[in-house]
All heavy atoms as atom14 arrays in JSON, in Angstrom:
{
  "sequence": "ILVGRWAKGLLIATGKVLLDREMDHPVVDEIRELLEIPDDPAETR",
  "atom14_mask": [
    [1, 1, 1, 1, 1, 1, 1, 1, 0, 0, 0, 0, 0, 0],
    [1, 1, 1, 1, 1, 1, 1, 1, 0, 0, 0, 0, 0, 0],
    [1, 1, 1, 1, 1, 1, 1, 0, 0, 0, 0, 0, 0, 0],
    [1, 1, 1, 1, 0, 0, 0, 0, 0, 0, 0, 0, 0, 0],
    [1, 1, 1, 1, 1, 1, 1, 1, 1, 1, 1, 0, 0, 0],
    [1, 1, 1, 1, 1, 1, 1, 1, 1, 1, 1, 1, 1, 1],
    [1, 1, 1, 1, 1, 0, 0, 0, 0, 0, 0, 0, 0, 0],
    [1, 1, 1, 1, 1, 1, 1, 1, 1, 0, 0, 0, 0, 0],
    [1, 1, 1, 1, 0, 0, 0, 0, 0, 0, 0, 0, 0, 0],
    [1, 1, 1, 1, 1, 1, 1, 1, 0, 0, 0, 0, 0, 0],
    [1, 1, 1, 1, 1, 1, 1, 1, 0, 0, 0, 0, 0, 0],
    [1, 1, 1, 1, 1, 1, 1, 1, 0, 0, 0, 0, 0, 0],
    [1, 1, 1, 1, 1, 0, 0, 0, 0, 0, 0, 0, 0, 0],
    [1, 1, 1, 1, 1, 1, 1, 0, 0, 0, 0, 0, 0, 0],
    [1, 1, 1, 1, 0, 0, 0, 0, 0, 0, 0, 0, 0, 0],
    [1, 1, 1, 1, 1, 1, 1, 1, 1, 0, 0, 0, 0, 0],
    [1, 1, 1, 1, 1, 1, 1, 0, 0, 0, 0, 0, 0, 0],
    [1, 1, 1, 1, 1, 1, 1, 1, 0, 0, 0, 0, 0, 0],
    [1, 1, 1, 1, 1, 1, 1, 1, 0, 0, 0, 0, 0, 0],
    [1, 1, 1, 1, 1, 1, 1, 1, 0, 0, 0, 0, 0, 0],
    [1, 1, 1, 1, 1, 1, 1, 1, 1, 1, 1, 0, 0, 0],
    [1, 1, 1, 1, 1, 1, 1, 1, 1, 0, 0, 0, 0, 0],
    [1, 1, 1, 1, 1, 1, 1, 1, 0, 0, 0, 0, 0, 0],
    [1, 1, 1, 1, 1, 1, 1, 1, 0, 0, 0, 0, 0, 0],
    [1, 1, 1, 1, 1, 1, 1, 1, 1, 1, 0, 0, 0, 0],
    [1, 1, 1, 1, 1, 1, 1, 0, 0, 0, 0, 0, 0, 0],
    [1, 1, 1, 1, 1, 1, 1, 0, 0, 0, 0, 0, 0, 0],
    [1, 1, 1, 1, 1, 1, 1, 0, 0, 0, 0, 0, 0, 0],
    [1, 1, 1, 1, 1, 1, 1, 1, 0, 0, 0, 0, 0, 0],
    [1, 1, 1, 1, 1, 1, 1, 1, 1, 0, 0, 0, 0, 0],
    [1, 1, 1, 1, 1, 1, 1, 1, 0, 0, 0, 0, 0, 0],
    [1, 1, 1, 1, 1, 1, 1, 1, 1, 1, 1, 0, 0, 0],
    [1, 1, 1, 1, 1, 1, 1, 1, 1, 0, 0, 0, 0, 0],
    [1, 1, 1, 1, 1, 1, 1, 1, 0, 0, 0, 0, 0, 0],
    [1, 1, 1, 1, 1, 1, 1, 1, 0, 0, 0, 0, 0, 0],
    [1, 1, 1, 1, 1, 1, 1, 1, 1, 0, 0, 0, 0, 0],
    [1, 1, 1, 1, 1, 1, 1, 1, 0, 0, 0, 0, 0, 0],
    [1, 1, 1, 1, 1, 1, 1, 0, 0, 0, 0, 0, 0, 0],
    [1, 1, 1, 1, 1, 1, 1, 1, 0, 0, 0, 0, 0, 0],
    [1, 1, 1, 1, 1, 1, 1, 1, 0, 0, 0, 0, 0, 0],
    [1, 1, 1, 1, 1, 1, 1, 0, 0, 0, 0, 0, 0, 0],
    [1, 1, 1, 1, 1, 0, 0, 0, 0, 0, 0, 0, 0, 0],
    [1, 1, 1, 1, 1, 1, 1, 1, 1, 0, 0, 0, 0, 0],
    [1, 1, 1, 1, 1, 1, 1, 0, 0, 0, 0, 0, 0, 0],
    [1, 1, 1, 1, 1, 1, 1, 1, 1, 1, 1, 0, 0, 0]
  ],
  "atom14_positions": [
    [[0.84, -1.21, 0.0], [0.0, 0.0, 0.0], [0.87, 1.25, 0.0], [0.61, 2.21, -0.73], [-0.95, -0.01, 1.21], [-1.96, -1.15, 1.09], [-1.66, 1.33, 1.35], [-2.83, -1.34, 2.32], [0.0, 0.0, 0.0], [0.0, 0.0, 0.0], [0.0, 0.0, 0.0], [0.0, 0.0, 0.0], [0.0, 0.0, 0.0], [0.0, 0.0, 0.0]],
    [[1.92, 1.23, 0.82], [2.83, 2.38, 0.9], [3.52, 2.6, -0.44], [3.58, 3.74, -0.94], [3.87, 2.12, 2.0], [4.88, 3.25, 2.26], [4.17, 4.51, 2.76], [5.92, 2.79, 3.28], [0.0, 0.0, 0.0], [0.0, 0.0, 0.0], [0.0, 0.0, 0.0], [0.0, 0.0, 0.0], [0.0, 0.0, 0.0], [0.0, 0.0, 0.0]],
    [[4.04, 1.54, -1.03], [4.72, 1.65, -2.32], [3.74, 2.1, -3.4], [4.08, 2.91, -4.28], [5.37, 0.3, -2.7], [5.91, 0.34, -4.12], [6.48, -0.04, -1.72], [0.0, 0.0, 0.0], [0.0, 0.0, 0.0], [0.0, 0.0, 0.0], [0.0, 0.0, 0.0], [0.0, 0.0, 0.0], [0.0, 0.0, 0.0], [0.0, 0.0, 0.0]],
    [[2.51, 1.59, -3.36], [1.51, 1.97, -4.35], [1.17, 3.45, -4.29], [0.97, 4.09, -5.32], [0.0, 0.0, 0.0], [0.0, 0.0, 0.0], [0.0, 0.0, 0.0], [0.0, 0.0, 0.0], [0.0, 0.0, 0.0], [0.0, 0.0, 0.0], [0.0, 0.0, 0.0], [0.0, 0.0, 0.0], [0.0, 0.0, 0.0], [0.0, 0.0, 0.0]],
    [[1.1, 3.99, -3.08], [0.83, 5.43, -2.93], [1.96, 6.26, -3.51], [1.73, 7.27, -4.17], [0.61, 5.77, -1.45], [-0.72, 5.3, -0.89], [-0.83, 5.65, 0.59], [-0.77, 7.09, 0.79], [-1.81, 7.91, 0.76], [-3.01, 7.43, 0.49], [-1.67, 9.2, 0.98], [0.0, 0.0, 0.0], [0.0, 0.0, 0.0], [0.0, 0.0, 0.0]],
    [[3.2, 5.84, -3.26], [4.34, 6.56, -3.84], [4.31, 6.49, -5.36], [4.57, 7.47, -6.04], [5.64, 5.97, -3.31], [5.9, 6.27, -1.87], [5.32, 7.26, -1.12], [6.79, 5.59, -0.99], [5.79, 7.24, 0.17], [6.7, 6.23, 0.28], [7.66, 4.51, -1.13], [7.45, 5.81, 1.38], [8.42, 4.1, -0.04], [8.31, 4.74, 1.2]],
    [[4.01, 5.3, -5.88], [3.96, 5.13, -7.34], [2.86, 5.99, -7.96], [3.06, 6.59, -9.02], [3.72, 3.65, -7.67], [0.0, 0.0, 0.0], [0.0, 0.0, 0.0], [0.0, 0.0, 0.0], [0.0, 0.0, 0.0], [0.0, 0.0, 0.0], [0.0, 0.0, 0.0], [0.0, 0.0, 0.0], [0.0, 0.0, 0.0], [0.0, 0.0, 0.0]],
    [[1.72, 6.06, -7.28], [0.62, 6.89, -7.79], [1.03, 8.35, -7.85], [0.77, 9.04, -8.86], [-0.6, 6.73, -6.88], [-1.78, 7.61, -7.27], [-2.91, 7.51, -6.26], [-4.02, 8.5, -6.59], [-5.11, 8.47, -5.56], [0.0, 0.0, 0.0], [0.0, 0.0, 0.0], [0.0, 0.0, 0.0], [0.0, 0.0, 0.0], [0.0, 0.0, 0.0]],
    [[1.67, 8.86, -6.8], [2.11, 10.26, -6.79], [3.1, 10.55, -7.91], [3.03, 11.59, -8.56], [0.0, 0.0, 0.0], [0.0, 0.0, 0.0], [0.0, 0.0, 0.0], [0.0, 0.0, 0.0], [0.0, 0.0, 0.0], [0.0, 0.0, 0.0], [0.0, 0.0, 0.0], [0.0, 0.0, 0.0], [0.0, 0.0, 0.0], [0.0, 0.0, 0.0]],
    [[4.02, 9.62, -8.13], [5.01, 9.8, -9.19], [4.36, 9.74, -10.57], [4.72, 10.5, -11.47], [6.1, 8.74, -9.06], [7.3, 8.88, -9.99], [7.99, 10.22, -9.79], [8.28, 7.73, -9.75], [0.0, 0.0, 0.0], [0.0, 0.0, 0.0], [0.0, 0.0, 0.0], [0.0, 0.0, 0.0], [0.0, 0.0, 0.0], [0.0, 0.0, 0.0]],
    [[3.4, 8.84, -10.75], [2.69, 8.76, -12.03], [1.94, 10.06, -12.34], [1.95, 10.54, -13.48], [1.69, 7.59, -12.0], [2.25, 6.19, -12.27], [1.17, 5.16, -12.03], [2.78, 6.08, -13.7], [0.0, 0.0, 0.0], [0.0, 0.0, 0.0], [0.0, 0.0, 0.0], [0.0, 0.0, 0.0], [0.0, 0.0, 0.0], [0.0, 0.0, 0.0]],
    [[1.31, 10.63, -11.32], [0.58, 11.88, -11.52], [1.54, 13.01, -11.86], [1.29, 13.8, -12.78], [-0.25, 12.22, -10.26], [-1.38, 11.2, -10.07], [-0.82, 13.63, -10.35], [-2.15, 11.37, -8.78], [0.0, 0.0, 0.0], [0.0, 0.0, 0.0], [0.0, 0.0, 0.0], [0.0, 0.0, 0.0], [0.0, 0.0, 0.0], [0.0, 0.0, 0.0]],
    [[2.66, 13.1, -11.13], [3.61, 14.19, -11.36], [4.24, 14.11, -12.74], [4.33, 15.12, -13.45], [4.7, 14.16, -10.28], [0.0, 0.0, 0.0], [0.0, 0.0, 0.0], [0.0, 0.0, 0.0], [0.0, 0.0, 0.0], [0.0, 0.0, 0.0], [0.0, 0.0, 0.0], [0.0, 0.0, 0.0], [0.0, 0.0, 0.0], [0.0, 0.0, 0.0]],
    [[4.67, 12.92, -13.15], [5.29, 12.78, -14.46], [4.25, 12.87, -15.59], [4.51, 13.46, -16.63], [6.04, 11.45, -14.57], [5.17, 10.37, -14.2], [7.25, 11.44, -13.65], [0.0, 0.0, 0.0], [0.0, 0.0, 0.0], [0.0, 0.0, 0.0], [0.0, 0.0, 0.0], [0.0, 0.0, 0.0], [0.0, 0.0, 0.0], [0.0, 0.0, 0.0]],
    [[3.08, 12.3, -15.37], [2.03, 12.37, -16.39], [1.58, 13.79, -16.64], [1.28, 14.17, -17.78], [0.0, 0.0, 0.0], [0.0, 0.0, 0.0], [0.0, 0.0, 0.0], [0.0, 0.0, 0.0], [0.0, 0.0, 0.0], [0.0, 0.0, 0.0], [0.0, 0.0, 0.0], [0.0, 0.0, 0.0], [0.0, 0.0, 0.0], [0.0, 0.0, 0.0]],
    [[1.53, 14.6, -15.59], [1.16, 16.0, -15.73], [2.12, 16.74, -16.66], [1.7, 17.52, -17.51], [1.16, 16.66, -14.35], [0.93, 18.15, -14.35], [1.0, 18.7, -12.94], [0.92, 20.23, -12.92], [1.0, 20.78, -11.56], [0.0, 0.0, 0.0], [0.0, 0.0, 0.0], [0.0, 0.0, 0.0], [0.0, 0.0, 0.0], [0.0, 0.0, 0.0]],
    [[3.41, 16.46, -16.53], [4.41, 17.11, -17.39], [4.3, 16.59, -18.82], [4.34, 17.37, -19.78], [5.83, 16.88, -16.85], [6.87, 17.47, -17.78], [5.97, 17.49, -15.46], [0.0, 0.0, 0.0], [0.0, 0.0, 0.0], [0.0, 0.0, 0.0], [0.0, 0.0, 0.0], [0.0, 0.0, 0.0], [0.0, 0.0, 0.0], [0.0, 0.0, 0.0]],
    [[4.16, 15.28, -18.98], [4.09, 14.7, -20.32], [2.87, 15.17, -21.09], [2.9, 15.28, -22.31], [4.1, 13.17, -20.22], [5.41, 12.53, -19.73], [5.22, 11.04, -19.52], [6.54, 12.79, -20.71], [0.0, 0.0, 0.0], [0.0, 0.0, 0.0], [0.0, 0.0, 0.0], [0.0, 0.0, 0.0], [0.0, 0.0, 0.0], [0.0, 0.0, 0.0]],
    [[1.78, 15.45, -20.37], [0.54, 15.9, -21.02], [0.42, 17.41, -21.06], [-0.62, 17.94, -21.45], [-0.67, 15.3, -20.29], [-0.78, 13.77, -20.36], [-1.94, 13.28, -19.5], [-0.97, 13.3, -21.8], [0.0, 0.0, 0.0], [0.0, 0.0, 0.0], [0.0, 0.0, 0.0], [0.0, 0.0, 0.0], [0.0, 0.0, 0.0], [0.0, 0.0, 0.0]],
    [[1.47, 18.12, -20.62], [1.5, 19.59, -20.64], [0.35, 20.2, -19.85], [-0.22, 21.22, -20.26], [1.48, 20.11, -22.09], [2.73, 19.75, -22.85], [3.8, 19.74, -22.23], [2.65, 19.47, -24.06], [0.0, 0.0, 0.0], [0.0, 0.0, 0.0], [0.0, 0.0, 0.0], [0.0, 0.0, 0.0], [0.0, 0.0, 0.0], [0.0, 0.0, 0.0]],
    [[0.03, 19.62, -18.71], [-1.02, 20.18, -17.86], [-0.4, 21.17, -16.89], [-0.13, 20.86, -15.74], [-1.73, 19.05, -17.1], [-3.15, 19.4, -16.7], [-3.53, 18.79, -15.39], [-2.94, 19.5, -14.26], [-3.14, 19.15, -12.98], [-3.88, 18.11, -12.67], [-2.58, 19.85, -11.99], [0.0, 0.0, 0.0], [0.0, 0.0, 0.0], [0.0, 0.0, 0.0]],
    [[-0.16, 22.38, -17.4], [0.53, 23.39, -16.62], [-0.29, 24.67, -16.43], [0.24, 25.65, -15.89], [1.86, 23.76, -17.29], [2.8, 22.59, -17.48], [3.36, 22.04, -16.18], [3.25, 22.73, -15.16], [3.9, 20.92, -16.19], [0.0, 0.0, 0.0], [0.0, 0.0, 0.0], [0.0, 0.0, 0.0], [0.0, 0.0, 0.0], [0.0, 0.0, 0.0]],
    [[-1.53, 24.68, -16.89], [-2.3, 25.92, -16.85], [-2.77, 26.3, -15.46], [-3.41, 27.34, -15.29], [-3.49, 25.83, -17.8], [-3.08, 25.69, -19.27], [-1.96, 27.0, -19.83], [-3.04, 28.43, -19.75], [0.0, 0.0, 0.0], [0.0, 0.0, 0.0], [0.0, 0.0, 0.0], [0.0, 0.0, 0.0], [0.0, 0.0, 0.0], [0.0, 0.0, 0.0]],
    [[-2.46, 25.48, -14.46], [-2.75, 25.85, -13.07], [-1.49, 26.3, -12.34], [-1.52, 26.53, -11.12], [-3.39, 24.67, -12.33], [-2.53, 23.41, -12.36], [-1.57, 23.38, -13.16], [-2.83, 22.45, -11.62], [0.0, 0.0, 0.0], [0.0, 0.0, 0.0], [0.0, 0.0, 0.0], [0.0, 0.0, 0.0], [0.0, 0.0, 0.0], [0.0, 0.0, 0.0]],
    [[-0.39, 26.47, -13.07], [0.85, 26.93, -12.46], [0.77, 28.43, -12.2], [0.15, 29.17, -12.98], [2.04, 26.61, -13.38], [3.37, 26.83, -12.73], [3.99, 28.06, -12.73], [4.19, 26.0, -12.06], [5.14, 27.97, -12.08], [5.29, 26.72, -11.67], [0.0, 0.0, 0.0], [0.0, 0.0, 0.0], [0.0, 0.0, 0.0], [0.0, 0.0, 0.0]],
    [[1.4, 28.93, -11.11], [1.34, 30.37, -10.81], [1.83, 31.27, -11.93], [1.37, 32.41, -12.03], [2.24, 30.5, -9.56], [2.19, 29.16, -8.92], [2.07, 28.17, -10.03], [0.0, 0.0, 0.0], [0.0, 0.0, 0.0], [0.0, 0.0, 0.0], [0.0, 0.0, 0.0], [0.0, 0.0, 0.0], [0.0, 0.0, 0.0], [0.0, 0.0, 0.0]],
    [[2.73, 30.79, -12.77], [3.25, 31.65, -13.83], [2.16, 32.05, -14.82], [2.23, 33.11, -15.45], [4.42, 30.95, -14.57], [3.93, 29.83, -15.47], [5.24, 31.96, -15.38], [0.0, 0.0, 0.0], [0.0, 0.0, 0.0], [0.0, 0.0, 0.0], [0.0, 0.0, 0.0], [0.0, 0.0, 0.0], [0.0, 0.0, 0.0], [0.0, 0.0, 0.0]],
    [[1.11, 31.25, -14.94], [0.0, 31.58, -15.84], [-0.72, 32.83, -15.35], [-0.98, 33.77, -16.13], [-0.99, 30.39, -15.95], [-2.2, 30.77, -16.79], [-0.29, 29.17, -16.55], [0.0, 0.0, 0.0], [0.0, 0.0, 0.0], [0.0, 0.0, 0.0], [0.0, 0.0, 0.0], [0.0, 0.0, 0.0], [0.0, 0.0, 0.0], [0.0, 0.0, 0.0]],
    [[-1.02, 32.87, -14.06], [-1.68, 34.06, -13.49], [-0.75, 35.27, -13.56], [-1.22, 36.41, -13.74], [-2.1, 33.8, -12.05], [-3.21, 32.77, -11.94], [-4.01, 32.67, -12.9], [-3.27, 32.06, -10.92], [0.0, 0.0, 0.0], [0.0, 0.0, 0.0], [0.0, 0.0, 0.0], [0.0, 0.0, 0.0], [0.0, 0.0, 0.0], [0.0, 0.0, 0.0]],
    [[0.54, 35.05, -13.4], [1.49, 36.16, -13.46], [1.55, 36.77, -14.85], [1.68, 37.98, -15.01], [2.87, 35.68, -13.01], [2.92, 35.34, -11.53], [4.22, 34.68, -11.13], [5.04, 34.4, -12.03], [4.43, 34.45, -9.93], [0.0, 0.0, 0.0], [0.0, 0.0, 0.0], [0.0, 0.0, 0.0], [0.0, 0.0, 0.0], [0.0, 0.0, 0.0]],
    [[1.45, 35.93, -15.87], [1.42, 36.44, -17.25], [0.16, 37.29, -17.46], [0.21, 38.36, -18.06], [1.47, 35.28, -18.26], [2.85, 34.6, -18.21], [1.2, 35.77, -19.68], [2.95, 33.35, -19.06], [0.0, 0.0, 0.0], [0.0, 0.0, 0.0], [0.0, 0.0, 0.0], [0.0, 0.0, 0.0], [0.0, 0.0, 0.0], [0.0, 0.0, 0.0]],
    [[-0.96, 36.81, -16.95], [-2.21, 37.57, -17.09], [-2.12, 38.91, -16.37], [-2.59, 39.94, -16.89], [-3.38, 36.75, -16.53], [-3.7, 35.49, -17.33], [-4.97, 34.84, -16.84], [-5.26, 33.62, -17.58], [-5.86, 33.58, -18.75], [-6.26, 34.72, -19.31], [-6.08, 32.43, -19.37], [0.0, 0.0, 0.0], [0.0, 0.0, 0.0], [0.0, 0.0, 0.0]],
    [[-1.53, 38.92, -15.18], [-1.4, 40.17, -14.43], [-0.52, 41.17, -15.17], [-0.77, 42.39, -15.11], [-0.81, 39.88, -13.05], [-1.74, 39.11, -12.13], [-1.04, 38.71, -10.83], [0.13, 39.12, -10.66], [-1.64, 37.99, -10.02], [0.0, 0.0, 0.0], [0.0, 0.0, 0.0], [0.0, 0.0, 0.0], [0.0, 0.0, 0.0], [0.0, 0.0, 0.0]],
    [[0.5, 40.68, -15.86], [1.39, 41.57, -16.59], [0.72, 42.21, -17.8], [1.0, 43.36, -18.15], [2.63, 40.8, -17.07], [3.7, 40.5, -16.03], [4.76, 39.58, -16.62], [4.36, 41.78, -15.54], [0.0, 0.0, 0.0], [0.0, 0.0, 0.0], [0.0, 0.0, 0.0], [0.0, 0.0, 0.0], [0.0, 0.0, 0.0], [0.0, 0.0, 0.0]],
    [[-0.17, 41.48, -18.44], [-0.74, 41.94, -19.7], [-2.12, 42.57, -19.55], [-2.47, 43.49, -20.28], [-0.81, 40.78, -20.7], [0.55, 40.14, -21.04], [0.36, 39.01, -22.05], [1.53, 41.16, -21.58], [0.0, 0.0, 0.0], [0.0, 0.0, 0.0], [0.0, 0.0, 0.0], [0.0, 0.0, 0.0], [0.0, 0.0, 0.0], [0.0, 0.0, 0.0]],
    [[-2.9, 42.09, -18.62], [-4.24, 42.63, -18.41], [-4.22, 43.56, -17.2], [-4.59, 43.18, -16.08], [-5.25, 41.5, -18.22], [-5.39, 40.61, -19.45], [-6.48, 39.57, -19.31], [-6.91, 39.31, -18.15], [-6.9, 39.02, -20.32], [0.0, 0.0, 0.0], [0.0, 0.0, 0.0], [0.0, 0.0, 0.0], [0.0, 0.0, 0.0], [0.0, 0.0, 0.0]],
    [[-3.75, 44.78, -17.44], [-3.59, 45.77, -16.37], [-4.92, 46.47, -16.11], [-5.56, 46.94, -17.04], [-2.51, 46.8, -16.76], [-1.19, 46.08, -17.07], [-2.32, 47.83, -15.66], [-0.13, 46.99, -17.64], [0.0, 0.0, 0.0], [0.0, 0.0, 0.0], [0.0, 0.0, 0.0], [0.0, 0.0, 0.0], [0.0, 0.0, 0.0], [0.0, 0.0, 0.0]],
    [[-5.36, 46.56, -14.84], [-6.62, 47.26, -14.54], [-6.57, 48.72, -14.98], [-5.53, 49.38, -14.9], [-6.73, 47.12, -13.01], [-5.87, 45.95, -12.67], [-4.75, 45.94, -13.66], [0.0, 0.0, 0.0], [0.0, 0.0, 0.0], [0.0, 0.0, 0.0], [0.0, 0.0, 0.0], [0.0, 0.0, 0.0], [0.0, 0.0, 0.0], [0.0, 0.0, 0.0]],
    [[-7.68, 49.21, -15.42], [-7.83, 50.62, -15.84], [-6.89, 50.97, -17.0], [-6.5, 52.13, -17.18], [-7.56, 51.57, -14.67], [-8.5, 51.32, -13.5], [-9.67, 50.98, -13.75], [-8.06, 51.45, -12.34], [0.0, 0.0, 0.0], [0.0, 0.0, 0.0], [0.0, 0.0, 0.0], [0.0, 0.0, 0.0], [0.0, 0.0, 0.0], [0.0, 0.0, 0.0]],
    [[-6.53, 49.98, -17.79], [-5.69, 50.23, -18.95], [-6.55, 50.87, -20.05], [-7.53, 50.26, -20.5], [-5.09, 48.91, -19.45], [-4.22, 49.09, -20.69], [-3.85, 50.24, -20.99], [-3.89, 48.07, -21.32], [0.0, 0.0, 0.0], [0.0, 0.0, 0.0], [0.0, 0.0, 0.0], [0.0, 0.0, 0.0], [0.0, 0.0, 0.0], [0.0, 0.0, 0.0]],
    [[-6.21, 52.07, -20.5], [-7.05, 52.71, -21.55], [-7.05, 51.94, -22.85], [-8.0, 52.04, -23.64], [-6.4, 54.1, -21.72], [-5.01, 53.96, -21.18], [-5.1, 52.95, -20.09], [0.0, 0.0, 0.0], [0.0, 0.0, 0.0], [0.0, 0.0, 0.0], [0.0, 0.0, 0.0], [0.0, 0.0, 0.0], [0.0, 0.0, 0.0], [0.0, 0.0, 0.0]],
    [[-6.0, 51.17, -23.1], [-5.95, 50.37, -24.33], [-6.8, 49.11, -24.23], [-7.06, 48.45, -25.24], [-4.52, 50.0, -24.67], [0.0, 0.0, 0.0], [0.0, 0.0, 0.0], [0.0, 0.0, 0.0], [0.0, 0.0, 0.0], [0.0, 0.0, 0.0], [0.0, 0.0, 0.0], [0.0, 0.0, 0.0], [0.0, 0.0, 0.0], [0.0, 0.0, 0.0]],
    [[-7.21, 48.76, -23.0], [-8.04, 47.57, -22.76], [-7.42, 46.33, -23.4], [-8.09, 45.55, -24.09], [-9.47, 47.79, -23.28], [-10.21, 48.9, -22.56], [-11.64, 49.05, -23.03], [-11.95, 48.55, -24.12], [-12.44, 49.65, -22.3], [0.0, 0.0, 0.0], [0.0, 0.0, 0.0], [0.0, 0.0, 0.0], [0.0, 0.0, 0.0], [0.0, 0.0, 0.0]],
    [[-6.13, 46.14, -23.19], [-5.44, 44.96, -23.72], [-5.91, 43.72, -22.97], [-5.91, 43.68, -21.74], [-3.92, 45.13, -23.57], [-3.51, 46.32, -24.26], [-3.18, 43.92, -24.14], [0.0, 0.0, 0.0], [0.0, 0.0, 0.0], [0.0, 0.0, 0.0], [0.0, 0.0, 0.0], [0.0, 0.0, 0.0], [0.0, 0.0, 0.0], [0.0, 0.0, 0.0]],
    [[-6.29, 42.71, -23.73], [-6.81, 41.47, -23.14], [-6.16, 40.26, -23.79], [-5.92, 40.24, -24.99], [-8.33, 41.38, -23.3], [-9.1, 42.46, -22.54], [-8.99, 42.27, -21.04], [-9.76, 43.26, -20.3], [-9.27, 44.43, -19.89], [-8.0, 44.74, -20.15], [-10.02, 45.27, -19.22], [0.0, 0.0, 0.0], [0.0, 0.0, 0.0], [0.0, 0.0, 0.0]]
  ]
}
């Protein structure tokens, strides 16, 4: 059971990278904050 739990965690971590599931990473929100500035007269989105 202990080994299986470790294997499951490793499968999830490596599978996430292989499938490019990164849109929940903090850098995504940081990119949005840089480009979508509040009260921007150009209304860049």
